Amino acid sequence: MSYPQSAPARRPAAVLSAAAVLLVMAVVALAYAVVDLVVLGGTVDAFRSAARDTSASPEQIDDVVTLLRASAVLTAVVAALSALLLAGLALGLLTGRNGVRVATWVVSGLGLLAGCCSVAVVVGERAAPLQLGSGEESLAELLGLIGDAYPSWWIPLNAGLSVAQGLGYLVVATLLALPAANSWFGRHRSTAPTAPPRFTPAPHQPPSAPPAPPYPPR
């Protein structure tokens, strides 16, 4: 015999908004990975052209170019993996899984910390350039040319994306902590299907003795 199931509760606006913000951040991260690889070729060419006027040897220039390419590829890979993670969290939130909400809070905290560190690194590089020893003037010249080799909009874009990333994670964590989200995730947790109780058969009992026949009439 089947019983009618109750209609599922509608997703609150807080959960929908948090999932939408995560999806937007995933798209931005994927686009950043593509742009990072696209500008790499022009950046390397501009760096080599400027490095010819320094006292660095061709081997030193090649080493810095290798470092530049490896850094760009690693950044693109991390951005692409972050996009996949954010999209997975967004889809998991829409299913009402409380474990996904906890994982989103953890990722948001780590992402907010990473965004603050990125902004601090950019500001620190501009405020206090790298200082090397007296025998490494040529390497210091090459490292100083890396920032100028990128397009003029590249560093402001990175700083803006770091700030936007931190704000996005903060907004997502706040939306998932609202009372509407708490009640919706709590309802999904409390209505999780449980295993039906097992039927325990009664212990076997021996049959009772048949009743004694009535006495014959005298």
N, C-alpha and C. Protein backbone atom coordinates (compact mmCIF):
# COMPACT_ATOMS: atom_id res chain seq x y z
N MET A 1 0.87 -1.19 0.00
CA MET A 1 0.00 0.00 0.00
C MET A 1 0.89 1.23 0.00
N SER A 2 0.70 2.14 -0.89
CA SER A 2 1.52 3.35 -1.01
C SER A 2 0.80 4.53 -0.41
N TYR A 3 1.56 5.43 0.18
CA TYR A 3 1.01 6.62 0.80
C TYR A 3 1.47 7.84 0.02
N PRO A 4 0.65 8.85 -0.12
CA PRO A 4 1.06 10.06 -0.85
C PRO A 4 2.17 10.78 -0.12
N GLN A 5 3.18 11.19 -0.85
CA GLN A 5 4.30 11.92 -0.27
C GLN A 5 4.00 13.41 -0.27
N SER A 6 4.52 14.08 0.76
CA SER A 6 4.32 15.53 0.85
C SER A 6 5.17 16.23 -0.18
N ALA A 7 4.71 17.36 -0.68
CA ALA A 7 5.43 18.12 -1.70
C ALA A 7 6.71 18.69 -1.10
N PRO A 8 7.84 18.66 -1.83
CA PRO A 8 9.09 19.17 -1.29
C PRO A 8 9.03 20.67 -1.07
N ALA A 9 9.71 21.13 -0.02
CA ALA A 9 9.72 22.56 0.29
C ALA A 9 10.49 23.32 -0.78
N ARG A 10 10.05 24.53 -1.05
CA ARG A 10 10.73 25.36 -2.04
C ARG A 10 12.06 25.83 -1.47
N ARG A 11 13.05 25.92 -2.35
CA ARG A 11 14.35 26.41 -1.92
C ARG A 11 14.24 27.88 -1.54
N PRO A 12 14.75 28.27 -0.39
CA PRO A 12 14.69 29.68 -0.02
C PRO A 12 15.58 30.53 -0.92
N ALA A 13 15.27 31.80 -0.94
CA ALA A 13 16.04 32.72 -1.80
C ALA A 13 17.50 32.79 -1.38
N ALA A 14 17.78 32.59 -0.09
CA ALA A 14 19.17 32.64 0.37
C ALA A 14 20.00 31.53 -0.25
N VAL A 15 19.43 30.32 -0.33
CA VAL A 15 20.17 29.20 -0.92
C VAL A 15 20.33 29.41 -2.42
N LEU A 16 19.28 29.86 -3.09
CA LEU A 16 19.38 30.12 -4.53
C LEU A 16 20.42 31.20 -4.82
N SER A 17 20.44 32.23 -4.00
CA SER A 17 21.41 33.32 -4.21
C SER A 17 22.83 32.83 -3.97
N ALA A 18 23.03 32.01 -2.94
CA ALA A 18 24.37 31.49 -2.67
C ALA A 18 24.85 30.61 -3.81
N ALA A 19 23.97 29.75 -4.33
CA ALA A 19 24.35 28.90 -5.46
C ALA A 19 24.65 29.74 -6.70
N ALA A 20 23.87 30.81 -6.92
CA ALA A 20 24.11 31.67 -8.08
C ALA A 20 25.45 32.38 -7.97
N VAL A 21 25.79 32.85 -6.78
CA VAL A 21 27.09 33.52 -6.59
C VAL A 21 28.23 32.54 -6.84
N LEU A 22 28.09 31.30 -6.37
CA LEU A 22 29.14 30.31 -6.60
C LEU A 22 29.29 30.00 -8.09
N LEU A 23 28.18 29.92 -8.81
CA LEU A 23 28.26 29.65 -10.24
C LEU A 23 28.92 30.81 -10.99
N VAL A 24 28.60 32.04 -10.60
CA VAL A 24 29.24 33.20 -11.23
C VAL A 24 30.75 33.18 -10.95
N MET A 25 31.12 32.86 -9.72
CA MET A 25 32.54 32.79 -9.39
C MET A 25 33.24 31.68 -10.16
N ALA A 26 32.53 30.57 -10.40
CA ALA A 26 33.11 29.48 -11.18
C ALA A 26 33.36 29.91 -12.62
N VAL A 27 32.41 30.62 -13.21
CA VAL A 27 32.58 31.10 -14.59
C VAL A 27 33.74 32.10 -14.67
N VAL A 28 33.84 32.99 -13.69
CA VAL A 28 34.93 33.97 -13.67
C VAL A 28 36.28 33.27 -13.53
N ALA A 29 36.35 32.26 -12.67
CA ALA A 29 37.61 31.53 -12.49
C ALA A 29 38.03 30.82 -13.77
N LEU A 30 37.05 30.23 -14.47
CA LEU A 30 37.38 29.55 -15.72
C LEU A 30 37.83 30.55 -16.79
N ALA A 31 37.16 31.70 -16.85
CA ALA A 31 37.56 32.72 -17.81
C ALA A 31 38.95 33.27 -17.48
N TYR A 32 39.26 33.39 -16.20
CA TYR A 32 40.59 33.87 -15.81
C TYR A 32 41.67 32.88 -16.24
N ALA A 33 41.39 31.58 -16.11
CA ALA A 33 42.37 30.58 -16.54
C ALA A 33 42.65 30.69 -18.03
N VAL A 34 41.61 30.94 -18.83
CA VAL A 34 41.80 31.07 -20.27
C VAL A 34 42.59 32.33 -20.60
N VAL A 35 42.22 33.45 -19.98
CA VAL A 35 42.91 34.72 -20.26
C VAL A 35 44.37 34.65 -19.81
N ASP A 36 44.62 33.95 -18.70
CA ASP A 36 45.99 33.83 -18.22
C ASP A 36 46.88 33.14 -19.24
N LEU A 37 46.37 32.12 -19.89
CA LEU A 37 47.16 31.42 -20.92
C LEU A 37 47.25 32.22 -22.21
N VAL A 38 46.22 33.01 -22.51
CA VAL A 38 46.23 33.79 -23.75
C VAL A 38 47.29 34.89 -23.69
N VAL A 39 47.40 35.58 -22.56
CA VAL A 39 48.34 36.70 -22.46
C VAL A 39 49.77 36.22 -22.21
N LEU A 40 49.96 34.91 -21.98
CA LEU A 40 51.31 34.43 -21.67
C LEU A 40 52.28 34.64 -22.81
N GLY A 41 51.85 34.36 -24.04
CA GLY A 41 52.76 34.52 -25.18
C GLY A 41 53.24 35.94 -25.35
N GLY A 42 52.34 36.90 -25.31
CA GLY A 42 52.74 38.30 -25.44
C GLY A 42 53.59 38.77 -24.28
N THR A 43 53.32 38.25 -23.08
CA THR A 43 54.12 38.63 -21.92
C THR A 43 55.56 38.14 -22.06
N VAL A 44 55.73 36.90 -22.52
CA VAL A 44 57.08 36.35 -22.71
C VAL A 44 57.83 37.14 -23.77
N ASP A 45 57.17 37.47 -24.87
CA ASP A 45 57.84 38.25 -25.92
C ASP A 45 58.26 39.63 -25.42
N ALA A 46 57.36 40.29 -24.67
CA ALA A 46 57.70 41.61 -24.14
C ALA A 46 58.85 41.52 -23.13
N PHE A 47 58.86 40.45 -22.36
CA PHE A 47 59.93 40.30 -21.37
C PHE A 47 61.27 40.06 -22.06
N ARG A 48 61.30 39.20 -23.05
CA ARG A 48 62.56 38.95 -23.77
C ARG A 48 63.07 40.21 -24.45
N SER A 49 62.17 40.98 -25.02
CA SER A 49 62.59 42.21 -25.70
C SER A 49 63.21 43.19 -24.72
N ALA A 50 62.59 43.30 -23.52
CA ALA A 50 63.14 44.23 -22.53
C ALA A 50 64.40 43.68 -21.87
N ALA A 51 64.53 42.35 -21.79
CA ALA A 51 65.69 41.76 -21.12
C ALA A 51 66.96 41.89 -21.94
N ARG A 52 66.86 42.16 -23.23
CA ARG A 52 68.06 42.30 -24.05
C ARG A 52 68.89 43.51 -23.65
N ASP A 53 68.26 44.49 -23.06
CA ASP A 53 68.97 45.71 -22.67
C ASP A 53 69.57 45.63 -21.28
N THR A 54 69.50 44.46 -20.64
CA THR A 54 70.06 44.30 -19.31
C THR A 54 71.40 43.57 -19.40
N SER A 55 72.05 43.44 -18.25
CA SER A 55 73.34 42.74 -18.19
C SER A 55 73.18 41.24 -17.94
N ALA A 56 71.94 40.72 -18.00
CA ALA A 56 71.70 39.30 -17.73
C ALA A 56 72.17 38.45 -18.90
N SER A 57 72.58 37.25 -18.58
CA SER A 57 73.02 36.31 -19.62
C SER A 57 71.80 35.63 -20.25
N PRO A 58 71.98 35.04 -21.44
CA PRO A 58 70.86 34.32 -22.05
C PRO A 58 70.33 33.19 -21.18
N GLU A 59 71.20 32.52 -20.42
CA GLU A 59 70.74 31.45 -19.54
C GLU A 59 69.84 32.00 -18.43
N GLN A 60 70.19 33.13 -17.87
CA GLN A 60 69.36 33.73 -16.83
C GLN A 60 68.00 34.16 -17.39
N ILE A 61 68.03 34.69 -18.60
CA ILE A 61 66.77 35.09 -19.22
C ILE A 61 65.87 33.88 -19.46
N ASP A 62 66.46 32.79 -19.93
CA ASP A 62 65.68 31.57 -20.16
C ASP A 62 65.12 31.01 -18.85
N ASP A 63 65.91 31.10 -17.79
CA ASP A 63 65.43 30.61 -16.49
C ASP A 63 64.22 31.40 -16.01
N VAL A 64 64.27 32.71 -16.17
CA VAL A 64 63.14 33.53 -15.74
C VAL A 64 61.93 33.29 -16.63
N VAL A 65 62.14 33.08 -17.92
CA VAL A 65 61.03 32.77 -18.82
C VAL A 65 60.38 31.45 -18.43
N THR A 66 61.20 30.46 -18.09
CA THR A 66 60.66 29.17 -17.64
C THR A 66 59.84 29.34 -16.37
N LEU A 67 60.34 30.14 -15.45
CA LEU A 67 59.60 30.41 -14.22
C LEU A 67 58.29 31.13 -14.52
N LEU A 68 58.34 32.05 -15.45
CA LEU A 68 57.15 32.80 -15.82
C LEU A 68 56.08 31.89 -16.42
N ARG A 69 56.50 31.00 -17.31
CA ARG A 69 55.55 30.07 -17.94
C ARG A 69 54.98 29.08 -16.93
N ALA A 70 55.85 28.54 -16.08
CA ALA A 70 55.37 27.58 -15.08
C ALA A 70 54.38 28.22 -14.13
N SER A 71 54.65 29.47 -13.73
CA SER A 71 53.73 30.16 -12.84
C SER A 71 52.38 30.40 -13.50
N ALA A 72 52.40 30.77 -14.78
CA ALA A 72 51.14 31.02 -15.48
C ALA A 72 50.32 29.75 -15.66
N VAL A 73 51.00 28.65 -16.02
CA VAL A 73 50.29 27.38 -16.19
C VAL A 73 49.73 26.88 -14.87
N LEU A 74 50.51 26.99 -13.80
CA LEU A 74 50.03 26.55 -12.49
C LEU A 74 48.84 27.39 -12.05
N THR A 75 48.89 28.68 -12.28
CA THR A 75 47.77 29.54 -11.91
C THR A 75 46.52 29.18 -12.70
N ALA A 76 46.67 28.88 -13.99
CA ALA A 76 45.52 28.50 -14.81
C ALA A 76 44.92 27.18 -14.35
N VAL A 77 45.77 26.22 -13.99
CA VAL A 77 45.27 24.92 -13.52
C VAL A 77 44.51 25.09 -12.21
N VAL A 78 45.05 25.86 -11.29
CA VAL A 78 44.38 26.09 -10.02
C VAL A 78 43.04 26.79 -10.24
N ALA A 79 43.00 27.76 -11.15
CA ALA A 79 41.75 28.46 -11.43
C ALA A 79 40.71 27.53 -12.03
N ALA A 80 41.13 26.64 -12.94
CA ALA A 80 40.19 25.69 -13.55
C ALA A 80 39.66 24.71 -12.52
N LEU A 81 40.52 24.20 -11.64
CA LEU A 81 40.06 23.29 -10.59
C LEU A 81 39.13 24.00 -9.62
N SER A 82 39.41 25.26 -9.32
CA SER A 82 38.52 26.03 -8.45
C SER A 82 37.15 26.21 -9.08
N ALA A 83 37.11 26.41 -10.40
CA ALA A 83 35.83 26.54 -11.09
C ALA A 83 35.00 25.27 -10.97
N LEU A 84 35.65 24.12 -11.13
CA LEU A 84 34.93 22.85 -10.99
C LEU A 84 34.44 22.66 -9.56
N LEU A 85 35.26 23.01 -8.58
CA LEU A 85 34.86 22.86 -7.19
C LEU A 85 33.67 23.76 -6.85
N LEU A 86 33.72 25.00 -7.29
CA LEU A 86 32.63 25.93 -6.99
C LEU A 86 31.33 25.50 -7.66
N ALA A 87 31.43 25.02 -8.89
CA ALA A 87 30.21 24.54 -9.57
C ALA A 87 29.63 23.33 -8.86
N GLY A 88 30.49 22.41 -8.41
CA GLY A 88 30.00 21.25 -7.67
C GLY A 88 29.34 21.64 -6.36
N LEU A 89 29.90 22.60 -5.64
CA LEU A 89 29.28 23.06 -4.40
C LEU A 89 27.93 23.72 -4.66
N ALA A 90 27.84 24.49 -5.74
CA ALA A 90 26.57 25.14 -6.06
C ALA A 90 25.47 24.12 -6.34
N LEU A 91 25.80 23.10 -7.12
CA LEU A 91 24.81 22.06 -7.41
C LEU A 91 24.46 21.26 -6.16
N GLY A 92 25.45 21.01 -5.31
CA GLY A 92 25.17 20.29 -4.08
C GLY A 92 24.28 21.07 -3.12
N LEU A 93 24.45 22.38 -3.08
CA LEU A 93 23.58 23.20 -2.22
C LEU A 93 22.13 23.13 -2.66
N LEU A 94 21.90 23.07 -3.96
CA LEU A 94 20.53 23.03 -4.47
C LEU A 94 19.82 21.73 -4.12
N THR A 95 20.56 20.68 -3.80
CA THR A 95 19.94 19.42 -3.40
C THR A 95 19.61 19.38 -1.91
N GLY A 96 20.04 20.37 -1.17
CA GLY A 96 19.71 20.44 0.25
C GLY A 96 20.59 19.61 1.15
N ARG A 97 21.79 19.27 0.73
CA ARG A 97 22.68 18.46 1.55
C ARG A 97 23.42 19.35 2.55
N ASN A 98 23.21 19.06 3.82
CA ASN A 98 23.84 19.88 4.84
C ASN A 98 25.36 19.72 4.84
N GLY A 99 25.87 18.54 4.48
CA GLY A 99 27.30 18.35 4.40
C GLY A 99 27.94 19.25 3.36
N VAL A 100 27.23 19.50 2.25
CA VAL A 100 27.74 20.40 1.22
C VAL A 100 27.79 21.83 1.76
N ARG A 101 26.79 22.20 2.58
CA ARG A 101 26.82 23.55 3.16
C ARG A 101 28.03 23.71 4.07
N VAL A 102 28.34 22.70 4.89
CA VAL A 102 29.52 22.78 5.75
C VAL A 102 30.80 22.87 4.90
N ALA A 103 30.86 22.07 3.83
CA ALA A 103 32.03 22.14 2.95
C ALA A 103 32.15 23.51 2.29
N THR A 104 31.01 24.11 1.96
CA THR A 104 31.03 25.45 1.36
C THR A 104 31.56 26.48 2.34
N TRP A 105 31.20 26.35 3.61
CA TRP A 105 31.75 27.26 4.62
C TRP A 105 33.27 27.10 4.73
N VAL A 106 33.74 25.88 4.69
CA VAL A 106 35.19 25.65 4.78
C VAL A 106 35.90 26.26 3.57
N VAL A 107 35.37 25.99 2.37
CA VAL A 107 35.97 26.54 1.15
C VAL A 107 35.91 28.07 1.16
N SER A 108 34.82 28.62 1.66
CA SER A 108 34.69 30.08 1.71
C SER A 108 35.74 30.69 2.63
N GLY A 109 35.97 30.04 3.77
CA GLY A 109 37.00 30.55 4.68
C GLY A 109 38.38 30.51 4.06
N LEU A 110 38.70 29.39 3.40
CA LEU A 110 40.00 29.28 2.75
C LEU A 110 40.12 30.26 1.58
N GLY A 111 39.03 30.41 0.82
CA GLY A 111 39.07 31.34 -0.31
C GLY A 111 39.21 32.78 0.14
N LEU A 112 38.54 33.14 1.24
CA LEU A 112 38.68 34.50 1.77
C LEU A 112 40.10 34.75 2.24
N LEU A 113 40.71 33.75 2.87
CA LEU A 113 42.10 33.90 3.30
C LEU A 113 43.04 34.03 2.11
N ALA A 114 42.79 33.22 1.06
CA ALA A 114 43.65 33.30 -0.13
C ALA A 114 43.51 34.65 -0.83
N GLY A 115 42.27 35.17 -0.88
CA GLY A 115 42.08 36.48 -1.50
C GLY A 115 42.81 37.58 -0.75
N CYS A 116 42.76 37.54 0.59
CA CYS A 116 43.47 38.55 1.37
C CYS A 116 44.98 38.44 1.17
N CYS A 117 45.49 37.20 1.09
CA CYS A 117 46.93 37.02 0.87
C CYS A 117 47.35 37.53 -0.51
N SER A 118 46.50 37.31 -1.53
CA SER A 118 46.83 37.79 -2.88
C SER A 118 46.91 39.31 -2.92
N VAL A 119 45.96 39.97 -2.28
CA VAL A 119 45.99 41.44 -2.25
C VAL A 119 47.22 41.92 -1.49
N ALA A 120 47.56 41.25 -0.39
CA ALA A 120 48.73 41.65 0.38
C ALA A 120 50.02 41.48 -0.42
N VAL A 121 50.09 40.40 -1.22
CA VAL A 121 51.29 40.18 -2.04
C VAL A 121 51.43 41.26 -3.10
N VAL A 122 50.31 41.60 -3.77
CA VAL A 122 50.37 42.64 -4.81
C VAL A 122 50.77 43.97 -4.22
N VAL A 123 50.18 44.33 -3.08
CA VAL A 123 50.52 45.60 -2.44
C VAL A 123 51.97 45.59 -1.96
N GLY A 124 52.42 44.45 -1.42
CA GLY A 124 53.79 44.37 -0.94
C GLY A 124 54.81 44.48 -2.05
N GLU A 125 54.50 43.88 -3.21
CA GLU A 125 55.43 43.98 -4.33
C GLU A 125 55.55 45.41 -4.83
N ARG A 126 54.46 46.14 -4.80
CA ARG A 126 54.51 47.54 -5.26
C ARG A 126 55.17 48.45 -4.22
N ALA A 127 54.93 48.15 -2.94
CA ALA A 127 55.47 49.03 -1.90
C ALA A 127 56.93 48.76 -1.61
N ALA A 128 57.32 47.47 -1.66
CA ALA A 128 58.71 47.12 -1.33
C ALA A 128 59.21 46.12 -2.36
N PRO A 129 59.83 46.57 -3.43
CA PRO A 129 60.36 45.66 -4.44
C PRO A 129 61.40 44.71 -3.86
N LEU A 130 61.56 43.58 -4.54
CA LEU A 130 62.51 42.56 -4.09
C LEU A 130 63.94 43.09 -4.15
N GLN A 131 64.67 42.90 -3.04
CA GLN A 131 66.06 43.34 -2.95
C GLN A 131 66.96 42.10 -2.91
N LEU A 132 67.93 42.03 -3.82
CA LEU A 132 68.85 40.90 -3.88
C LEU A 132 70.25 41.36 -3.51
N GLY A 133 71.18 40.40 -3.45
CA GLY A 133 72.55 40.71 -3.07
C GLY A 133 73.28 41.48 -4.15
N SER A 134 74.51 41.86 -3.80
CA SER A 134 75.29 42.68 -4.72
C SER A 134 75.71 41.90 -5.97
N GLY A 135 75.83 40.59 -5.87
CA GLY A 135 76.24 39.80 -7.02
C GLY A 135 75.10 39.33 -7.90
N GLU A 136 73.88 39.79 -7.64
CA GLU A 136 72.71 39.33 -8.38
C GLU A 136 71.94 40.51 -8.98
N GLU A 137 72.70 41.53 -9.42
CA GLU A 137 72.03 42.70 -10.00
C GLU A 137 71.27 42.34 -11.27
N SER A 138 71.85 41.46 -12.08
CA SER A 138 71.19 41.10 -13.34
C SER A 138 69.87 40.37 -13.09
N LEU A 139 69.85 39.48 -12.09
CA LEU A 139 68.61 38.79 -11.76
C LEU A 139 67.57 39.76 -11.21
N ALA A 140 68.02 40.72 -10.43
CA ALA A 140 67.08 41.72 -9.91
C ALA A 140 66.49 42.54 -11.06
N GLU A 141 67.31 42.84 -12.07
CA GLU A 141 66.79 43.56 -13.23
C GLU A 141 65.73 42.76 -13.96
N LEU A 142 65.96 41.45 -14.11
CA LEU A 142 64.99 40.61 -14.82
C LEU A 142 63.68 40.50 -14.05
N LEU A 143 63.78 40.29 -12.76
CA LEU A 143 62.56 40.19 -11.96
C LEU A 143 61.77 41.50 -11.96
N GLY A 144 62.49 42.61 -12.05
CA GLY A 144 61.80 43.89 -12.10
C GLY A 144 61.09 44.13 -13.42
N LEU A 145 61.48 43.38 -14.46
CA LEU A 145 60.84 43.55 -15.77
C LEU A 145 59.57 42.72 -15.93
N ILE A 146 59.33 41.77 -15.03
CA ILE A 146 58.17 40.87 -15.18
C ILE A 146 56.87 41.65 -15.10
N GLY A 147 56.76 42.54 -14.11
CA GLY A 147 55.53 43.30 -13.96
C GLY A 147 55.24 44.18 -15.16
N ASP A 148 56.29 44.76 -15.73
CA ASP A 148 56.08 45.62 -16.90
C ASP A 148 55.82 44.83 -18.17
N ALA A 149 56.18 43.54 -18.18
CA ALA A 149 55.94 42.73 -19.38
C ALA A 149 54.46 42.39 -19.56
N TYR A 150 53.73 42.30 -18.47
CA TYR A 150 52.30 42.03 -18.57
C TYR A 150 51.57 43.25 -19.12
N PRO A 151 50.36 43.06 -19.68
CA PRO A 151 49.57 44.22 -20.11
C PRO A 151 49.29 45.17 -18.94
N SER A 152 49.06 46.41 -19.26
CA SER A 152 48.87 47.42 -18.21
C SER A 152 47.65 47.14 -17.34
N TRP A 153 46.68 46.41 -17.86
CA TRP A 153 45.46 46.13 -17.11
C TRP A 153 45.54 44.84 -16.31
N TRP A 154 46.65 44.10 -16.43
CA TRP A 154 46.71 42.77 -15.83
C TRP A 154 46.78 42.81 -14.30
N ILE A 155 47.67 43.61 -13.76
CA ILE A 155 47.82 43.67 -12.30
C ILE A 155 46.58 44.28 -11.64
N PRO A 156 46.01 45.39 -12.15
CA PRO A 156 44.74 45.86 -11.56
C PRO A 156 43.62 44.82 -11.65
N LEU A 157 43.60 44.06 -12.74
CA LEU A 157 42.58 43.01 -12.85
C LEU A 157 42.76 41.95 -11.78
N ASN A 158 44.00 41.54 -11.54
CA ASN A 158 44.25 40.54 -10.50
C ASN A 158 43.86 41.05 -9.12
N ALA A 159 44.20 42.30 -8.85
CA ALA A 159 43.84 42.87 -7.55
C ALA A 159 42.32 42.97 -7.40
N GLY A 160 41.64 43.41 -8.47
CA GLY A 160 40.19 43.50 -8.40
C GLY A 160 39.52 42.15 -8.24
N LEU A 161 40.02 41.14 -8.94
CA LEU A 161 39.44 39.80 -8.81
C LEU A 161 39.68 39.22 -7.42
N SER A 162 40.82 39.51 -6.82
CA SER A 162 41.09 39.01 -5.47
C SER A 162 40.12 39.62 -4.46
N VAL A 163 39.86 40.92 -4.60
CA VAL A 163 38.90 41.57 -3.70
C VAL A 163 37.49 41.04 -3.94
N ALA A 164 37.10 40.90 -5.21
CA ALA A 164 35.78 40.37 -5.53
C ALA A 164 35.63 38.93 -5.06
N GLN A 165 36.69 38.14 -5.16
CA GLN A 165 36.64 36.77 -4.70
C GLN A 165 36.39 36.71 -3.19
N GLY A 166 37.12 37.51 -2.44
CA GLY A 166 36.90 37.53 -0.99
C GLY A 166 35.50 37.95 -0.63
N LEU A 167 34.97 38.99 -1.29
CA LEU A 167 33.61 39.43 -1.01
C LEU A 167 32.59 38.36 -1.39
N GLY A 168 32.85 37.66 -2.50
CA GLY A 168 31.92 36.60 -2.92
C GLY A 168 31.84 35.48 -1.90
N TYR A 169 32.98 35.04 -1.40
CA TYR A 169 32.97 34.00 -0.38
C TYR A 169 32.28 34.47 0.90
N LEU A 170 32.49 35.73 1.25
CA LEU A 170 31.84 36.26 2.45
C LEU A 170 30.33 36.31 2.27
N VAL A 171 29.87 36.70 1.10
CA VAL A 171 28.43 36.75 0.84
C VAL A 171 27.83 35.35 0.88
N VAL A 172 28.50 34.37 0.28
CA VAL A 172 27.98 33.00 0.27
C VAL A 172 27.88 32.45 1.68
N ALA A 173 28.93 32.64 2.48
CA ALA A 173 28.90 32.13 3.86
C ALA A 173 27.80 32.79 4.67
N THR A 174 27.55 34.08 4.45
CA THR A 174 26.50 34.77 5.19
C THR A 174 25.12 34.29 4.77
N LEU A 175 24.91 34.10 3.47
CA LEU A 175 23.60 33.64 2.99
C LEU A 175 23.26 32.25 3.53
N LEU A 176 24.24 31.38 3.61
CA LEU A 176 23.99 30.02 4.09
C LEU A 176 23.79 29.96 5.60
N ALA A 177 24.08 31.04 6.31
CA ALA A 177 23.87 31.08 7.76
C ALA A 177 22.56 31.77 8.14
N LEU A 178 21.79 32.24 7.17
CA LEU A 178 20.52 32.90 7.47
C LEU A 178 19.50 31.89 8.02
N PRO A 179 18.51 32.35 8.80
CA PRO A 179 17.52 31.42 9.36
C PRO A 179 16.76 30.62 8.32
N ALA A 180 16.44 31.23 7.17
CA ALA A 180 15.72 30.48 6.14
C ALA A 180 16.54 29.30 5.63
N ALA A 181 17.83 29.52 5.44
CA ALA A 181 18.69 28.43 4.99
C ALA A 181 18.84 27.37 6.08
N ASN A 182 18.94 27.80 7.34
CA ASN A 182 19.07 26.83 8.43
C ASN A 182 17.85 25.92 8.51
N SER A 183 16.66 26.51 8.43
CA SER A 183 15.45 25.69 8.51
C SER A 183 15.32 24.76 7.32
N TRP A 184 15.72 25.22 6.12
CA TRP A 184 15.59 24.36 4.93
C TRP A 184 16.56 23.19 4.99
N PHE A 185 17.80 23.45 5.34
CA PHE A 185 18.76 22.35 5.45
C PHE A 185 18.42 21.44 6.63
N GLY A 186 17.89 22.03 7.72
CA GLY A 186 17.48 21.19 8.84
C GLY A 186 16.31 20.30 8.50
N ARG A 187 15.38 20.77 7.67
CA ARG A 187 14.26 19.93 7.26
C ARG A 187 14.73 18.77 6.41
N HIS A 188 15.67 19.03 5.51
CA HIS A 188 16.20 17.94 4.68
C HIS A 188 16.95 16.92 5.53
N ARG A 189 17.61 17.39 6.58
CA ARG A 189 18.35 16.46 7.42
C ARG A 189 17.40 15.62 8.26
N SER A 190 16.30 16.22 8.73
CA SER A 190 15.37 15.49 9.59
C SER A 190 14.47 14.55 8.82
N THR A 191 14.24 14.84 7.53
CA THR A 191 13.35 13.99 6.74
C THR A 191 14.12 12.98 5.92
N ALA A 192 15.37 12.70 6.29
CA ALA A 192 16.15 11.70 5.56
C ALA A 192 15.52 10.33 5.75
N PRO A 193 15.42 9.53 4.70
CA PRO A 193 14.77 8.22 4.84
C PRO A 193 15.56 7.30 5.75
N THR A 194 14.82 6.59 6.59
CA THR A 194 15.43 5.64 7.50
C THR A 194 15.02 4.23 7.12
N ALA A 195 15.81 3.28 7.55
CA ALA A 195 15.51 1.89 7.22
C ALA A 195 14.28 1.42 7.98
N PRO A 196 13.39 0.66 7.35
CA PRO A 196 12.19 0.20 8.05
C PRO A 196 12.58 -0.76 9.17
N PRO A 197 11.79 -0.78 10.25
CA PRO A 197 12.12 -1.68 11.37
C PRO A 197 12.03 -3.13 10.95
N ARG A 198 12.91 -3.91 11.51
CA ARG A 198 12.91 -5.34 11.21
C ARG A 198 11.83 -6.05 12.00
N PHE A 199 11.21 -7.03 11.33
CA PHE A 199 10.18 -7.82 12.00
C PHE A 199 10.84 -9.00 12.68
N THR A 200 10.66 -9.07 13.97
CA THR A 200 11.23 -10.17 14.75
C THR A 200 10.15 -11.20 15.01
N PRO A 201 10.29 -12.40 14.47
CA PRO A 201 9.25 -13.41 14.68
C PRO A 201 9.18 -13.85 16.14
N ALA A 202 8.01 -14.19 16.54
CA ALA A 202 7.81 -14.65 17.92
C ALA A 202 8.49 -16.00 18.11
N PRO A 203 9.01 -16.25 19.29
CA PRO A 203 9.67 -17.55 19.52
C PRO A 203 8.69 -18.71 19.36
N HIS A 204 9.21 -19.84 18.90
CA HIS A 204 8.37 -21.03 18.68
C HIS A 204 7.90 -21.60 20.00
N GLN A 205 6.61 -21.88 20.09
CA GLN A 205 6.03 -22.48 21.28
C GLN A 205 5.42 -23.82 20.90
N PRO A 206 5.59 -24.85 21.76
CA PRO A 206 4.98 -26.16 21.44
C PRO A 206 3.47 -26.10 21.49
N PRO A 207 2.79 -26.87 20.66
CA PRO A 207 1.31 -26.85 20.67
C PRO A 207 0.79 -27.37 22.00
N SER A 208 -0.32 -26.76 22.42
CA SER A 208 -0.93 -27.17 23.70
C SER A 208 -1.63 -28.51 23.54
N ALA A 209 -1.78 -29.22 24.63
CA ALA A 209 -2.43 -30.54 24.61
C ALA A 209 -3.92 -30.41 24.27
N PRO A 210 -4.49 -31.34 23.51
CA PRO A 210 -5.93 -31.24 23.19
C PRO A 210 -6.77 -31.39 24.43
N PRO A 211 -7.95 -30.77 24.45
CA PRO A 211 -8.81 -30.86 25.65
C PRO A 211 -9.26 -32.29 25.88
N ALA A 212 -9.46 -32.66 27.15
CA ALA A 212 -9.90 -34.02 27.51
C ALA A 212 -11.35 -34.24 27.10
N PRO A 213 -11.70 -35.41 26.59
CA PRO A 213 -13.08 -35.67 26.19
C PRO A 213 -13.99 -35.65 27.43
N PRO A 214 -15.28 -35.32 27.27
CA PRO A 214 -16.20 -35.30 28.41
C PRO A 214 -16.41 -36.74 28.93
N TYR A 215 -16.75 -36.83 30.22
CA TYR A 215 -17.03 -38.14 30.81
C TYR A 215 -18.27 -38.74 30.19
N PRO A 216 -18.32 -40.05 29.94
CA PRO A 216 -19.54 -40.68 29.40
C PRO A 216 -20.65 -40.66 30.43
N PRO A 217 -21.85 -40.55 29.99
CA PRO A 217 -22.98 -40.53 30.95
C PRO A 217 -23.09 -41.85 31.69
N ARG A 218 -23.52 -41.81 32.95
CA ARG A 218 -23.70 -43.02 33.73
C ARG A 218 -25.09 -43.59 33.50
